[in-house]
Amino acid sequence: MDAPIGHFDHATPAPAALDELTRPVADAVRHWIGSVPAEQIVYVETDPRWADTAVFVEHYGRELLERSANCVVVAGKRGGESTLAACVVLSTTRVDVNGVVRRQLGARKASFASMDTATGETGMEYGGITPIGLPGDWPLLVDSTVVDLPYVLVGSGRRRGKLLVPGKAFAELPGAVVLEGLGIA
């Protein structure tokens, strides 16, 4: 099959590529619900040598720069309690951790979670964290610009491989809250 965006040698509907995904991501695809059929989520093979954004888009397609999103894990703290959440923003922006995230989580302080926390709590590889398959009780904050795109490139749970996901599917993931201005230039 041809990938809906980018230029990849191998593209497969995610339900047919479960062995390429980490357990939490594969489980989420296997038990997928929502208006977007799971078969519209596409797994594409990528080479970790080309993981750097500039090299990645040069190799797989320049249009991917405007259609790629990052998923980062954040921790909001208030009164000794910590809340983990994930944020999805276009890769051309950065997460407004001290503004939108802090307010949305009702936290006094918010920061990026450590690599050990992010990978340990998600069961995914650092650099490949995806909003698909996150712990179900986590808030998932999604920038509205991500939801508006026909397809978005995100991690697959591993550094090798990516997922191409219809933008509107992000709004239907467990715990999803779509926010204006989550990603800032």
N, C-alpha and C. Protein backbone atom coordinates (compact mmCIF):
# COMPACT_ATOMS: atom_id res chain seq x y z
N MET A 1 0.84 -1.18 0.00
CA MET A 1 0.00 0.00 0.00
C MET A 1 0.88 1.24 0.00
N ASP A 2 0.35 2.33 -0.53
CA ASP A 2 1.05 3.61 -0.50
C ASP A 2 0.68 4.35 0.77
N ALA A 3 1.65 5.03 1.35
CA ALA A 3 1.39 5.84 2.54
C ALA A 3 0.59 7.08 2.13
N PRO A 4 -0.35 7.52 2.97
CA PRO A 4 -1.16 8.70 2.64
C PRO A 4 -0.36 10.00 2.61
N ILE A 5 0.77 10.05 3.31
CA ILE A 5 1.69 11.19 3.25
C ILE A 5 3.11 10.65 3.30
N GLY A 6 4.05 11.39 2.75
CA GLY A 6 5.45 10.98 2.79
C GLY A 6 5.77 9.95 1.72
N HIS A 7 7.05 9.58 1.69
CA HIS A 7 7.56 8.63 0.70
C HIS A 7 8.27 7.50 1.45
N PHE A 8 7.55 6.46 1.74
CA PHE A 8 8.07 5.34 2.53
C PHE A 8 8.08 4.08 1.68
N ASP A 9 9.12 3.24 1.86
CA ASP A 9 9.21 2.00 1.10
C ASP A 9 8.16 0.98 1.53
N HIS A 10 7.83 0.98 2.82
CA HIS A 10 6.88 0.00 3.34
C HIS A 10 5.83 0.69 4.20
N ALA A 11 4.56 0.53 3.83
CA ALA A 11 3.44 1.07 4.59
C ALA A 11 2.41 -0.05 4.74
N THR A 12 1.94 -0.22 5.97
CA THR A 12 1.03 -1.31 6.29
C THR A 12 -0.06 -0.81 7.23
N PRO A 13 -1.32 -1.21 7.04
CA PRO A 13 -2.32 -0.85 8.04
C PRO A 13 -1.85 -1.35 9.42
N ALA A 14 -1.97 -0.50 10.42
CA ALA A 14 -1.45 -0.84 11.76
C ALA A 14 -1.96 -2.19 12.29
N PRO A 15 -3.23 -2.57 12.07
CA PRO A 15 -3.67 -3.87 12.58
C PRO A 15 -2.89 -5.05 11.98
N ALA A 16 -2.26 -4.86 10.83
CA ALA A 16 -1.47 -5.92 10.21
C ALA A 16 0.01 -5.81 10.58
N ALA A 17 0.36 -4.84 11.42
CA ALA A 17 1.76 -4.62 11.81
C ALA A 17 1.93 -4.66 13.33
N LEU A 18 1.09 -5.38 14.02
CA LEU A 18 1.13 -5.39 15.49
C LEU A 18 2.47 -5.85 16.05
N ASP A 19 3.16 -6.76 15.35
CA ASP A 19 4.46 -7.23 15.82
C ASP A 19 5.53 -6.15 15.77
N GLU A 20 5.30 -5.08 15.02
CA GLU A 20 6.26 -4.00 14.91
C GLU A 20 6.07 -2.95 16.00
N LEU A 21 4.99 -3.06 16.77
CA LEU A 21 4.63 -2.06 17.77
C LEU A 21 4.95 -2.55 19.18
N THR A 22 5.14 -1.62 20.10
CA THR A 22 5.31 -2.02 21.50
C THR A 22 3.97 -2.56 22.01
N ARG A 23 4.00 -3.29 23.09
CA ARG A 23 2.78 -3.92 23.61
C ARG A 23 1.63 -2.93 23.84
N PRO A 24 1.86 -1.78 24.54
CA PRO A 24 0.72 -0.89 24.77
C PRO A 24 0.13 -0.32 23.48
N VAL A 25 0.98 -0.06 22.49
CA VAL A 25 0.48 0.48 21.22
C VAL A 25 -0.27 -0.61 20.46
N ALA A 26 0.28 -1.80 20.41
CA ALA A 26 -0.39 -2.92 19.73
C ALA A 26 -1.74 -3.21 20.39
N ASP A 27 -1.79 -3.19 21.72
CA ASP A 27 -3.05 -3.43 22.42
C ASP A 27 -4.08 -2.36 22.08
N ALA A 28 -3.65 -1.10 22.00
CA ALA A 28 -4.57 -0.01 21.66
C ALA A 28 -5.11 -0.17 20.25
N VAL A 29 -4.26 -0.58 19.32
CA VAL A 29 -4.72 -0.80 17.94
C VAL A 29 -5.66 -2.00 17.89
N ARG A 30 -5.32 -3.05 18.60
CA ARG A 30 -6.13 -4.28 18.62
C ARG A 30 -7.54 -4.00 19.17
N HIS A 31 -7.66 -3.10 20.15
CA HIS A 31 -8.95 -2.81 20.79
C HIS A 31 -9.48 -1.43 20.39
N TRP A 32 -9.12 -0.98 19.22
CA TRP A 32 -9.45 0.35 18.73
C TRP A 32 -10.95 0.59 18.66
N ILE A 33 -11.37 1.76 19.14
CA ILE A 33 -12.76 2.19 18.98
C ILE A 33 -12.74 3.63 18.48
N GLY A 34 -13.81 4.05 17.90
CA GLY A 34 -13.87 5.42 17.41
C GLY A 34 -14.38 5.48 15.99
N SER A 35 -14.56 6.69 15.50
CA SER A 35 -15.14 6.86 14.17
C SER A 35 -14.13 6.57 13.05
N VAL A 36 -12.85 6.63 13.35
CA VAL A 36 -11.82 6.33 12.37
C VAL A 36 -11.48 4.84 12.48
N PRO A 37 -11.67 4.07 11.42
CA PRO A 37 -11.32 2.65 11.49
C PRO A 37 -9.82 2.44 11.72
N ALA A 38 -9.47 1.43 12.49
CA ALA A 38 -8.07 1.15 12.81
C ALA A 38 -7.25 0.94 11.54
N GLU A 39 -7.86 0.42 10.48
CA GLU A 39 -7.14 0.18 9.23
C GLU A 39 -6.66 1.47 8.58
N GLN A 40 -7.21 2.62 8.99
CA GLN A 40 -6.75 3.90 8.45
C GLN A 40 -5.50 4.41 9.15
N ILE A 41 -5.12 3.76 10.25
CA ILE A 41 -3.85 4.07 10.91
C ILE A 41 -2.80 3.23 10.19
N VAL A 42 -1.75 3.87 9.71
CA VAL A 42 -0.76 3.20 8.87
C VAL A 42 0.59 3.18 9.58
N TYR A 43 1.20 1.99 9.62
CA TYR A 43 2.55 1.84 10.15
C TYR A 43 3.52 1.95 8.97
N VAL A 44 4.56 2.79 9.14
CA VAL A 44 5.59 2.90 8.11
C VAL A 44 6.94 2.59 8.74
N GLU A 45 7.73 1.83 8.01
CA GLU A 45 9.08 1.52 8.47
C GLU A 45 9.97 2.73 8.24
N THR A 46 10.77 3.06 9.25
CA THR A 46 11.74 4.13 9.13
C THR A 46 13.07 3.67 9.72
N ASP A 47 14.12 4.30 9.30
CA ASP A 47 15.46 3.97 9.78
C ASP A 47 15.85 4.94 10.87
N PRO A 48 16.20 4.45 12.07
CA PRO A 48 16.58 5.34 13.17
C PRO A 48 17.77 6.25 12.84
N ARG A 49 18.58 5.89 11.85
CA ARG A 49 19.70 6.75 11.45
C ARG A 49 19.21 8.09 10.92
N TRP A 50 17.97 8.12 10.45
CA TRP A 50 17.41 9.34 9.88
C TRP A 50 16.37 9.94 10.81
N ALA A 51 16.52 9.75 12.11
CA ALA A 51 15.53 10.22 13.08
C ALA A 51 15.54 11.73 13.27
N ASP A 52 16.69 12.37 13.10
CA ASP A 52 16.76 13.83 13.23
C ASP A 52 15.80 14.46 12.23
N THR A 53 15.01 15.42 12.67
CA THR A 53 13.93 15.98 11.85
C THR A 53 14.41 16.45 10.48
N ALA A 54 15.49 17.20 10.42
CA ALA A 54 15.96 17.73 9.13
C ALA A 54 16.32 16.60 8.17
N VAL A 55 17.02 15.60 8.66
CA VAL A 55 17.41 14.46 7.83
C VAL A 55 16.18 13.60 7.49
N PHE A 56 15.28 13.45 8.45
CA PHE A 56 14.07 12.64 8.24
C PHE A 56 13.24 13.19 7.09
N VAL A 57 12.94 14.48 7.12
CA VAL A 57 12.09 15.06 6.08
C VAL A 57 12.81 15.10 4.73
N GLU A 58 14.12 15.24 4.74
CA GLU A 58 14.87 15.20 3.49
C GLU A 58 14.75 13.82 2.85
N HIS A 59 14.77 12.78 3.68
CA HIS A 59 14.73 11.40 3.19
C HIS A 59 13.30 10.93 2.86
N TYR A 60 12.34 11.26 3.72
CA TYR A 60 10.99 10.69 3.58
C TYR A 60 9.94 11.66 3.01
N GLY A 61 10.30 12.92 2.83
CA GLY A 61 9.37 13.86 2.21
C GLY A 61 9.30 15.18 2.96
N ARG A 62 9.58 16.27 2.26
CA ARG A 62 9.60 17.59 2.89
C ARG A 62 8.24 17.99 3.45
N GLU A 63 7.15 17.49 2.86
CA GLU A 63 5.82 17.84 3.37
C GLU A 63 5.58 17.32 4.79
N LEU A 64 6.38 16.37 5.22
CA LEU A 64 6.22 15.81 6.56
C LEU A 64 6.57 16.80 7.67
N LEU A 65 7.39 17.81 7.35
CA LEU A 65 7.76 18.79 8.36
C LEU A 65 6.51 19.47 8.94
N GLU A 66 5.54 19.79 8.11
CA GLU A 66 4.31 20.46 8.55
C GLU A 66 3.24 19.48 8.99
N ARG A 67 3.49 18.18 8.86
CA ARG A 67 2.48 17.16 9.17
C ARG A 67 2.97 16.15 10.19
N SER A 68 3.99 16.52 10.94
CA SER A 68 4.53 15.65 11.99
C SER A 68 4.18 16.23 13.35
N ALA A 69 3.93 15.34 14.30
CA ALA A 69 3.63 15.78 15.66
C ALA A 69 4.53 15.05 16.64
N ASN A 70 4.81 15.72 17.73
CA ASN A 70 5.57 15.13 18.83
C ASN A 70 4.62 14.86 19.98
N CYS A 71 4.86 13.76 20.67
CA CYS A 71 4.11 13.43 21.88
C CYS A 71 5.11 13.43 23.03
N VAL A 72 4.89 14.34 23.98
CA VAL A 72 5.80 14.45 25.12
C VAL A 72 5.03 14.22 26.42
N VAL A 73 5.73 13.65 27.38
CA VAL A 73 5.14 13.38 28.70
C VAL A 73 5.52 14.52 29.64
N VAL A 74 4.52 15.03 30.34
CA VAL A 74 4.73 16.12 31.29
C VAL A 74 4.23 15.69 32.67
N ALA A 75 4.74 16.38 33.68
CA ALA A 75 4.30 16.15 35.06
C ALA A 75 3.82 17.47 35.63
N GLY A 76 2.58 17.48 36.13
CA GLY A 76 2.05 18.64 36.81
C GLY A 76 2.07 18.38 38.31
N LYS A 77 2.53 19.35 39.09
CA LYS A 77 2.64 19.17 40.53
C LYS A 77 1.84 20.21 41.28
N ARG A 78 1.15 19.74 42.32
CA ARG A 78 0.40 20.65 43.19
C ARG A 78 0.27 19.96 44.55
N GLY A 79 0.70 20.65 45.59
CA GLY A 79 0.55 20.14 46.94
C GLY A 79 1.17 18.78 47.17
N GLY A 80 2.31 18.51 46.61
CA GLY A 80 2.98 17.23 46.82
C GLY A 80 2.47 16.12 45.92
N GLU A 81 1.42 16.35 45.17
CA GLU A 81 0.90 15.34 44.25
C GLU A 81 1.36 15.64 42.83
N SER A 82 1.64 14.59 42.09
CA SER A 82 2.11 14.73 40.71
C SER A 82 1.14 14.03 39.77
N THR A 83 0.81 14.68 38.67
CA THR A 83 -0.06 14.12 37.65
C THR A 83 0.72 14.03 36.36
N LEU A 84 0.77 12.84 35.76
CA LEU A 84 1.40 12.68 34.47
C LEU A 84 0.35 12.87 33.38
N ALA A 85 0.78 13.46 32.29
CA ALA A 85 -0.08 13.69 31.14
C ALA A 85 0.80 13.64 29.90
N ALA A 86 0.16 13.54 28.75
CA ALA A 86 0.88 13.60 27.48
C ALA A 86 0.35 14.78 26.68
N CYS A 87 1.22 15.37 25.89
CA CYS A 87 0.87 16.50 25.04
C CYS A 87 1.27 16.18 23.61
N VAL A 88 0.39 16.50 22.67
CA VAL A 88 0.66 16.28 21.25
C VAL A 88 0.58 17.63 20.55
N VAL A 89 1.71 18.03 19.96
CA VAL A 89 1.80 19.30 19.23
C VAL A 89 2.54 19.05 17.93
N LEU A 90 2.32 19.92 16.96
CA LEU A 90 3.07 19.82 15.71
C LEU A 90 4.56 19.95 16.00
N SER A 91 5.37 19.25 15.23
CA SER A 91 6.81 19.26 15.48
C SER A 91 7.46 20.61 15.19
N THR A 92 6.75 21.51 14.54
CA THR A 92 7.27 22.85 14.28
C THR A 92 6.99 23.80 15.44
N THR A 93 6.37 23.28 16.51
CA THR A 93 6.06 24.09 17.68
C THR A 93 6.63 23.42 18.92
N ARG A 94 6.47 24.11 20.06
CA ARG A 94 6.87 23.51 21.34
C ARG A 94 5.67 23.59 22.28
N VAL A 95 5.65 22.72 23.26
CA VAL A 95 4.54 22.64 24.21
C VAL A 95 4.60 23.82 25.17
N ASP A 96 3.47 24.49 25.36
CA ASP A 96 3.37 25.58 26.33
C ASP A 96 3.16 24.98 27.73
N VAL A 97 4.26 24.46 28.28
CA VAL A 97 4.20 23.75 29.56
C VAL A 97 3.80 24.67 30.71
N ASN A 98 4.39 25.86 30.77
CA ASN A 98 4.14 26.74 31.92
C ASN A 98 2.87 27.57 31.79
N GLY A 99 2.20 27.48 30.66
CA GLY A 99 0.96 28.22 30.47
C GLY A 99 -0.22 27.27 30.34
N VAL A 100 -0.49 26.84 29.11
CA VAL A 100 -1.66 26.01 28.82
C VAL A 100 -1.64 24.70 29.61
N VAL A 101 -0.53 24.00 29.63
CA VAL A 101 -0.46 22.70 30.33
C VAL A 101 -0.70 22.87 31.83
N ARG A 102 0.02 23.81 32.43
CA ARG A 102 -0.10 24.02 33.88
C ARG A 102 -1.54 24.35 34.26
N ARG A 103 -2.17 25.25 33.52
CA ARG A 103 -3.56 25.62 33.80
C ARG A 103 -4.51 24.43 33.60
N GLN A 104 -4.34 23.70 32.51
CA GLN A 104 -5.23 22.58 32.20
C GLN A 104 -5.15 21.49 33.28
N LEU A 105 -3.96 21.27 33.81
CA LEU A 105 -3.77 20.23 34.84
C LEU A 105 -4.07 20.76 36.24
N GLY A 106 -4.34 22.06 36.38
CA GLY A 106 -4.58 22.64 37.70
C GLY A 106 -3.37 22.53 38.59
N ALA A 107 -2.19 22.66 38.00
CA ALA A 107 -0.93 22.48 38.72
C ALA A 107 -0.29 23.82 39.05
N ARG A 108 0.47 23.83 40.13
CA ARG A 108 1.25 25.02 40.47
C ARG A 108 2.50 25.07 39.60
N LYS A 109 3.01 23.87 39.25
CA LYS A 109 4.22 23.77 38.45
C LYS A 109 4.05 22.61 37.48
N ALA A 110 4.53 22.80 36.28
CA ALA A 110 4.53 21.72 35.29
C ALA A 110 5.89 21.68 34.61
N SER A 111 6.34 20.48 34.28
CA SER A 111 7.62 20.32 33.61
C SER A 111 7.60 19.04 32.79
N PHE A 112 8.58 18.89 31.94
CA PHE A 112 8.70 17.67 31.18
C PHE A 112 9.11 16.54 32.12
N ALA A 113 8.53 15.38 31.95
CA ALA A 113 8.89 14.22 32.76
C ALA A 113 10.28 13.74 32.35
N SER A 114 10.97 13.12 33.27
CA SER A 114 12.30 12.57 32.96
C SER A 114 12.16 11.43 31.94
N MET A 115 13.25 11.14 31.25
CA MET A 115 13.24 10.05 30.27
C MET A 115 12.84 8.74 30.94
N ASP A 116 13.38 8.45 32.12
CA ASP A 116 13.06 7.20 32.82
C ASP A 116 11.58 7.12 33.16
N THR A 117 11.01 8.23 33.62
CA THR A 117 9.58 8.25 33.93
C THR A 117 8.75 8.07 32.66
N ALA A 118 9.09 8.80 31.61
CA ALA A 118 8.33 8.73 30.35
C ALA A 118 8.34 7.32 29.77
N THR A 119 9.50 6.70 29.72
CA THR A 119 9.56 5.35 29.14
C THR A 119 9.01 4.29 30.10
N GLY A 120 9.28 4.44 31.37
CA GLY A 120 8.80 3.46 32.35
C GLY A 120 7.29 3.45 32.48
N GLU A 121 6.67 4.61 32.45
CA GLU A 121 5.22 4.70 32.62
C GLU A 121 4.45 4.39 31.34
N THR A 122 5.07 4.61 30.17
CA THR A 122 4.37 4.37 28.90
C THR A 122 4.66 2.99 28.32
N GLY A 123 5.80 2.40 28.66
CA GLY A 123 6.21 1.15 28.04
C GLY A 123 6.68 1.36 26.60
N MET A 124 7.08 2.59 26.28
CA MET A 124 7.52 2.93 24.93
C MET A 124 8.97 3.40 24.97
N GLU A 125 9.60 3.42 23.80
CA GLU A 125 10.98 3.88 23.70
C GLU A 125 11.04 5.40 23.64
N TYR A 126 12.06 5.98 24.26
CA TYR A 126 12.26 7.41 24.21
C TYR A 126 12.52 7.81 22.76
N GLY A 127 11.86 8.84 22.30
CA GLY A 127 11.97 9.25 20.92
C GLY A 127 10.92 8.62 20.03
N GLY A 128 10.14 7.70 20.59
CA GLY A 128 9.09 7.05 19.81
C GLY A 128 7.74 7.09 20.51
N ILE A 129 7.64 7.84 21.60
CA ILE A 129 6.39 7.88 22.37
C ILE A 129 5.26 8.41 21.50
N THR A 130 4.13 7.73 21.58
CA THR A 130 2.97 8.05 20.76
C THR A 130 1.75 8.19 21.66
N PRO A 131 0.76 8.97 21.25
CA PRO A 131 -0.46 9.09 22.07
C PRO A 131 -1.34 7.84 22.03
N ILE A 132 -1.07 6.95 21.11
CA ILE A 132 -1.86 5.71 20.99
C ILE A 132 -1.27 4.67 21.93
N GLY A 133 -2.03 4.26 22.94
CA GLY A 133 -1.56 3.25 23.87
C GLY A 133 -1.03 3.80 25.18
N LEU A 134 -1.27 5.08 25.44
CA LEU A 134 -0.86 5.65 26.73
C LEU A 134 -1.74 5.11 27.86
N PRO A 135 -1.29 5.21 29.10
CA PRO A 135 -2.15 4.81 30.22
C PRO A 135 -3.50 5.51 30.13
N GLY A 136 -4.57 4.75 30.29
CA GLY A 136 -5.92 5.24 30.09
C GLY A 136 -6.37 6.34 31.03
N ASP A 137 -5.74 6.46 32.19
CA ASP A 137 -6.16 7.49 33.15
C ASP A 137 -5.39 8.80 32.98
N TRP A 138 -4.50 8.88 32.02
CA TRP A 138 -3.73 10.10 31.78
C TRP A 138 -4.55 11.10 30.99
N PRO A 139 -4.44 12.39 31.32
CA PRO A 139 -4.95 13.40 30.40
C PRO A 139 -4.07 13.41 29.15
N LEU A 140 -4.70 13.54 28.00
CA LEU A 140 -4.00 13.64 26.73
C LEU A 140 -4.37 14.99 26.12
N LEU A 141 -3.45 15.92 26.16
CA LEU A 141 -3.69 17.27 25.66
C LEU A 141 -3.22 17.34 24.21
N VAL A 142 -4.13 17.71 23.32
CA VAL A 142 -3.85 17.70 21.88
C VAL A 142 -4.07 19.10 21.32
N ASP A 143 -3.07 19.63 20.65
CA ASP A 143 -3.23 20.93 20.02
C ASP A 143 -4.24 20.82 18.87
N SER A 144 -5.11 21.81 18.76
CA SER A 144 -6.18 21.78 17.76
C SER A 144 -5.65 21.69 16.33
N THR A 145 -4.45 22.20 16.07
CA THR A 145 -3.90 22.14 14.71
C THR A 145 -3.59 20.71 14.29
N VAL A 146 -3.30 19.84 15.25
CA VAL A 146 -3.04 18.42 14.96
C VAL A 146 -4.33 17.75 14.49
N VAL A 147 -5.41 18.02 15.18
CA VAL A 147 -6.71 17.40 14.88
C VAL A 147 -7.21 17.83 13.50
N ASP A 148 -6.83 19.03 13.06
CA ASP A 148 -7.32 19.58 11.79
C ASP A 148 -6.65 18.98 10.56
N LEU A 149 -5.54 18.26 10.71
CA LEU A 149 -4.83 17.72 9.56
C LEU A 149 -5.44 16.40 9.09
N PRO A 150 -5.41 16.14 7.78
CA PRO A 150 -5.95 14.87 7.28
C PRO A 150 -5.16 13.67 7.82
N TYR A 151 -3.83 13.76 7.81
CA TYR A 151 -2.96 12.71 8.38
C TYR A 151 -1.80 13.37 9.10
N VAL A 152 -1.36 12.73 10.18
CA VAL A 152 -0.26 13.24 10.99
C VAL A 152 0.72 12.10 11.25
N LEU A 153 2.00 12.38 11.13
CA LEU A 153 3.05 11.42 11.43
C LEU A 153 3.40 11.54 12.91
N VAL A 154 3.33 10.42 13.65
CA VAL A 154 3.71 10.39 15.07
C VAL A 154 4.54 9.13 15.32
N GLY A 155 5.08 9.03 16.51
CA GLY A 155 5.85 7.85 16.89
C GLY A 155 4.99 6.60 16.88
N SER A 156 5.66 5.47 16.93
CA SER A 156 4.97 4.18 16.94
C SER A 156 5.16 3.43 18.26
N GLY A 157 5.83 4.09 19.22
CA GLY A 157 6.18 3.42 20.47
C GLY A 157 7.62 2.94 20.46
N ARG A 158 8.19 2.88 19.25
CA ARG A 158 9.59 2.48 19.07
C ARG A 158 10.30 3.56 18.25
N ARG A 159 11.62 3.57 18.30
CA ARG A 159 12.37 4.53 17.48
C ARG A 159 12.34 4.12 16.01
N ARG A 160 12.22 2.85 15.75
CA ARG A 160 12.12 2.37 14.37
C ARG A 160 10.63 2.31 14.03
N GLY A 161 10.25 3.04 13.02
CA GLY A 161 8.85 3.01 12.57
C GLY A 161 8.06 4.19 13.11
N LYS A 162 7.06 4.58 12.34
CA LYS A 162 6.16 5.68 12.69
C LYS A 162 4.74 5.27 12.36
N LEU A 163 3.80 6.03 12.89
CA LEU A 163 2.40 5.85 12.56
C LEU A 163 1.90 7.08 11.81
N LEU A 164 1.08 6.85 10.81
CA LEU A 164 0.36 7.91 10.11
C LEU A 164 -1.08 7.79 10.54
N VAL A 165 -1.58 8.83 11.20
CA VAL A 165 -2.88 8.77 11.86
C VAL A 165 -3.76 9.92 11.36
N PRO A 166 -5.02 9.63 10.99
CA PRO A 166 -5.92 10.74 10.65
C PRO A 166 -6.03 11.69 11.85
N GLY A 167 -5.88 12.99 11.59
CA GLY A 167 -5.88 13.98 12.67
C GLY A 167 -7.06 13.88 13.60
N LYS A 168 -8.26 13.66 13.07
CA LYS A 168 -9.45 13.64 13.92
C LYS A 168 -9.45 12.48 14.91
N ALA A 169 -8.63 11.45 14.65
CA ALA A 169 -8.56 10.30 15.57
C ALA A 169 -7.96 10.70 16.92
N PHE A 170 -7.09 11.70 16.94
CA PHE A 170 -6.46 12.12 18.19
C PHE A 170 -7.49 12.65 19.19
N ALA A 171 -8.53 13.28 18.70
CA ALA A 171 -9.58 13.84 19.57
C ALA A 171 -10.41 12.75 20.23
N GLU A 172 -10.35 11.53 19.70
CA GLU A 172 -11.16 10.43 20.23
C GLU A 172 -10.36 9.47 21.11
N LEU A 173 -9.08 9.73 21.29
CA LEU A 173 -8.27 8.85 22.15
C LEU A 173 -8.68 9.01 23.61
N PRO A 174 -8.47 7.98 24.43
CA PRO A 174 -8.83 8.07 25.86
C PRO A 174 -8.18 9.28 26.52
N GLY A 175 -8.98 10.05 27.26
CA GLY A 175 -8.48 11.20 28.01
C GLY A 175 -8.18 12.43 27.18
N ALA A 176 -8.51 12.40 25.87
CA ALA A 176 -8.14 13.51 24.99
C ALA A 176 -8.92 14.78 25.28
N VAL A 177 -8.18 15.89 25.31
CA VAL A 177 -8.74 17.24 25.41
C VAL A 177 -8.06 18.05 24.32
N VAL A 178 -8.84 18.58 23.39
CA VAL A 178 -8.28 19.38 22.31
C VAL A 178 -8.22 20.83 22.77
N LEU A 179 -7.03 21.43 22.64
CA LEU A 179 -6.81 22.79 23.15
C LEU A 179 -6.21 23.70 22.07
N GLU A 180 -6.67 24.92 22.04
CA GLU A 180 -6.05 25.96 21.19
C GLU A 180 -4.79 26.43 21.89
N GLY A 181 -3.73 26.65 21.13
CA GLY A 181 -2.52 27.27 21.67
C GLY A 181 -1.66 26.39 22.55
N LEU A 182 -1.87 25.06 22.51
CA LEU A 182 -1.00 24.16 23.28
C LEU A 182 0.41 24.17 22.70
N GLY A 183 0.50 24.22 21.38
CA GLY A 183 1.79 24.32 20.71
C GLY A 183 2.06 25.76 20.35
N ILE A 184 3.24 26.25 20.72
CA ILE A 184 3.59 27.64 20.41
C ILE A 184 4.85 27.67 19.56
N ALA A 185 4.95 28.71 18.73
CA ALA A 185 6.09 28.85 17.81
C ALA A 185 7.37 29.12 18.58
